[in-house]
């Protein structure tokens, strides 16, 4: 398995369509090797500021999806 270290530099936008949420980011992607006895995995790193922004954006996307999925009688 190929493993990478992905450093998010900037969140650009977020959208959803057909059950998928797409996040556009500027990111630095570097190959990495597992250290010691750790299982190989890809690591996503982002600042606290970007993590908070991502959380807010995800909450708004979920709210939009829930509103879309509700029937007219439930609105």
C-alpha atoms as a PDB file:
ATOM      1  CA  UNK A   1       0.000   0.000   0.000  1.00  0.00           C
ATOM      2  CA  UNK A   2       1.294   3.468  -0.836  1.00  0.00           C
ATOM      3  CA  UNK A   3       1.244   5.868   2.083  1.00  0.00           C
ATOM      4  CA  UNK A   4       1.296   9.659   2.032  1.00  0.00           C
ATOM      5  CA  UNK A   5       1.415  12.646   4.340  1.00  0.00           C
ATOM      6  CA  UNK A   6      -1.156  15.202   3.204  1.00  0.00           C
ATOM      7  CA  UNK A   7      -0.798  18.706   4.636  1.00  0.00           C
ATOM      8  CA  UNK A   8      -3.829  20.893   3.995  1.00  0.00           C
ATOM      9  CA  UNK A   9      -2.672  24.401   3.153  1.00  0.00           C
ATOM     10  CA  UNK A  10      -6.092  25.962   2.497  1.00  0.00           C
ATOM     11  CA  UNK A  11      -9.730  24.864   2.297  1.00  0.00           C
ATOM     12  CA  UNK A  12     -11.220  26.171  -0.950  1.00  0.00           C
ATOM     13  CA  UNK A  13     -14.784  24.890  -1.165  1.00  0.00           C
ATOM     14  CA  UNK A  14     -17.164  22.083  -0.344  1.00  0.00           C
ATOM     15  CA  UNK A  15     -20.158  20.658  -2.198  1.00  0.00           C
ATOM     16  CA  UNK A  16     -22.334  17.559  -2.181  1.00  0.00           C
ATOM     17  CA  UNK A  17     -23.987  15.516  -4.906  1.00  0.00           C
ATOM     18  CA  UNK A  18     -25.397  11.982  -5.055  1.00  0.00           C
ATOM     19  CA  UNK A  19     -24.287  10.980  -1.568  1.00  0.00           C
ATOM     20  CA  UNK A  20     -20.716  12.290  -1.848  1.00  0.00           C
ATOM     21  CA  UNK A  21     -19.248  15.365  -0.203  1.00  0.00           C
ATOM     22  CA  UNK A  22     -16.414  16.893  -2.236  1.00  0.00           C
ATOM     23  CA  UNK A  23     -13.834  19.054  -0.481  1.00  0.00           C
ATOM     24  CA  UNK A  24     -11.493  21.160  -2.609  1.00  0.00           C
ATOM     25  CA  UNK A  25      -8.203  21.973  -0.898  1.00  0.00           C
ATOM     26  CA  UNK A  26      -4.728  23.247  -1.618  1.00  0.00           C
ATOM     27  CA  UNK A  27      -2.502  20.549  -0.155  1.00  0.00           C
ATOM     28  CA  UNK A  28       1.059  19.352  -0.036  1.00  0.00           C
ATOM     29  CA  UNK A  29       1.190  15.590  -0.699  1.00  0.00           C
ATOM     30  CA  UNK A  30       4.397  13.783   0.248  1.00  0.00           C
ATOM     31  CA  UNK A  31       5.167  10.055   0.127  1.00  0.00           C
ATOM     32  CA  UNK A  32       6.016   8.547   3.501  1.00  0.00           C
ATOM     33  CA  UNK A  33       7.162   5.241   4.946  1.00  0.00           C
ATOM     34  CA  UNK A  34       5.763   3.611   8.095  1.00  0.00           C
ATOM     35  CA  UNK A  35       7.906   4.063  11.209  1.00  0.00           C
ATOM     36  CA  UNK A  36       8.808   1.059  13.302  1.00  0.00           C
ATOM     37  CA  UNK A  37       5.942  -1.338  13.947  1.00  0.00           C
ATOM     38  CA  UNK A  38       3.165   1.104  12.964  1.00  0.00           C
ATOM     39  CA  UNK A  39       0.611  -0.051  10.425  1.00  0.00           C
ATOM     40  CA  UNK A  40       1.002   1.737   7.077  1.00  0.00           C
ATOM     41  CA  UNK A  41      -1.513   4.545   6.673  1.00  0.00           C
ATOM     42  CA  UNK A  42      -1.937   7.925   5.033  1.00  0.00           C
ATOM     43  CA  UNK A  43      -1.920  10.922   7.393  1.00  0.00           C
ATOM     44  CA  UNK A  44      -4.008  14.074   6.868  1.00  0.00           C
ATOM     45  CA  UNK A  45      -2.611  17.107   8.710  1.00  0.00           C
ATOM     46  CA  UNK A  46      -4.335  20.463   9.052  1.00  0.00           C
ATOM     47  CA  UNK A  47      -4.149  23.447  11.345  1.00  0.00           C
ATOM     48  CA  UNK A  48      -6.655  23.962  14.160  1.00  0.00           C
ATOM     49  CA  UNK A  49      -8.114  26.900  12.201  1.00  0.00           C
ATOM     50  CA  UNK A  50      -8.640  24.727   9.104  1.00  0.00           C
ATOM     51  CA  UNK A  51     -10.011  21.859  11.227  1.00  0.00           C
ATOM     52  CA  UNK A  52     -12.609  24.188  12.761  1.00  0.00           C
ATOM     53  CA  UNK A  53     -13.529  25.550   9.318  1.00  0.00           C
ATOM     54  CA  UNK A  54     -13.836  21.992   7.976  1.00  0.00           C
ATOM     55  CA  UNK A  55     -16.120  21.039  10.870  1.00  0.00           C
ATOM     56  CA  UNK A  56     -18.406  24.032  10.211  1.00  0.00           C
ATOM     57  CA  UNK A  57     -18.490  23.312   6.482  1.00  0.00           C
ATOM     58  CA  UNK A  58     -19.333  19.644   7.081  1.00  0.00           C
ATOM     59  CA  UNK A  59     -22.135  20.600   9.480  1.00  0.00           C
ATOM     60  CA  UNK A  60     -23.645  22.931   6.869  1.00  0.00           C
ATOM     61  CA  UNK A  61     -23.391  20.245   4.164  1.00  0.00           C
ATOM     62  CA  UNK A  62     -25.114  17.688   6.417  1.00  0.00           C
ATOM     63  CA  UNK A  63     -27.842  20.191   7.261  1.00  0.00           C
ATOM     64  CA  UNK A  64     -28.415  20.829   3.539  1.00  0.00           C
ATOM     65  CA  UNK A  65     -28.562  17.079   2.866  1.00  0.00           C
ATOM     66  CA  UNK A  66     -31.045  16.508   5.705  1.00  0.00           C
ATOM     67  CA  UNK A  67     -33.255  19.342   4.488  1.00  0.00           C
ATOM     68  CA  UNK A  68     -33.172  17.928   0.950  1.00  0.00           C
ATOM     69  CA  UNK A  69     -34.048  14.412   2.130  1.00  0.00           C
ATOM     70  CA  UNK A  70     -37.043  15.449   4.254  1.00  0.00           C
ATOM     71  CA  UNK A  71     -40.460  15.032   2.714  1.00  0.00           C
ATOM     72  CA  UNK A  72     -42.741  18.020   2.282  1.00  0.00           C
ATOM     73  CA  UNK A  73     -44.860  16.935   5.246  1.00  0.00           C
ATOM     74  CA  UNK A  74     -41.802  16.995   7.549  1.00  0.00           C
ATOM     75  CA  UNK A  75     -40.625  20.508   6.623  1.00  0.00           C
END
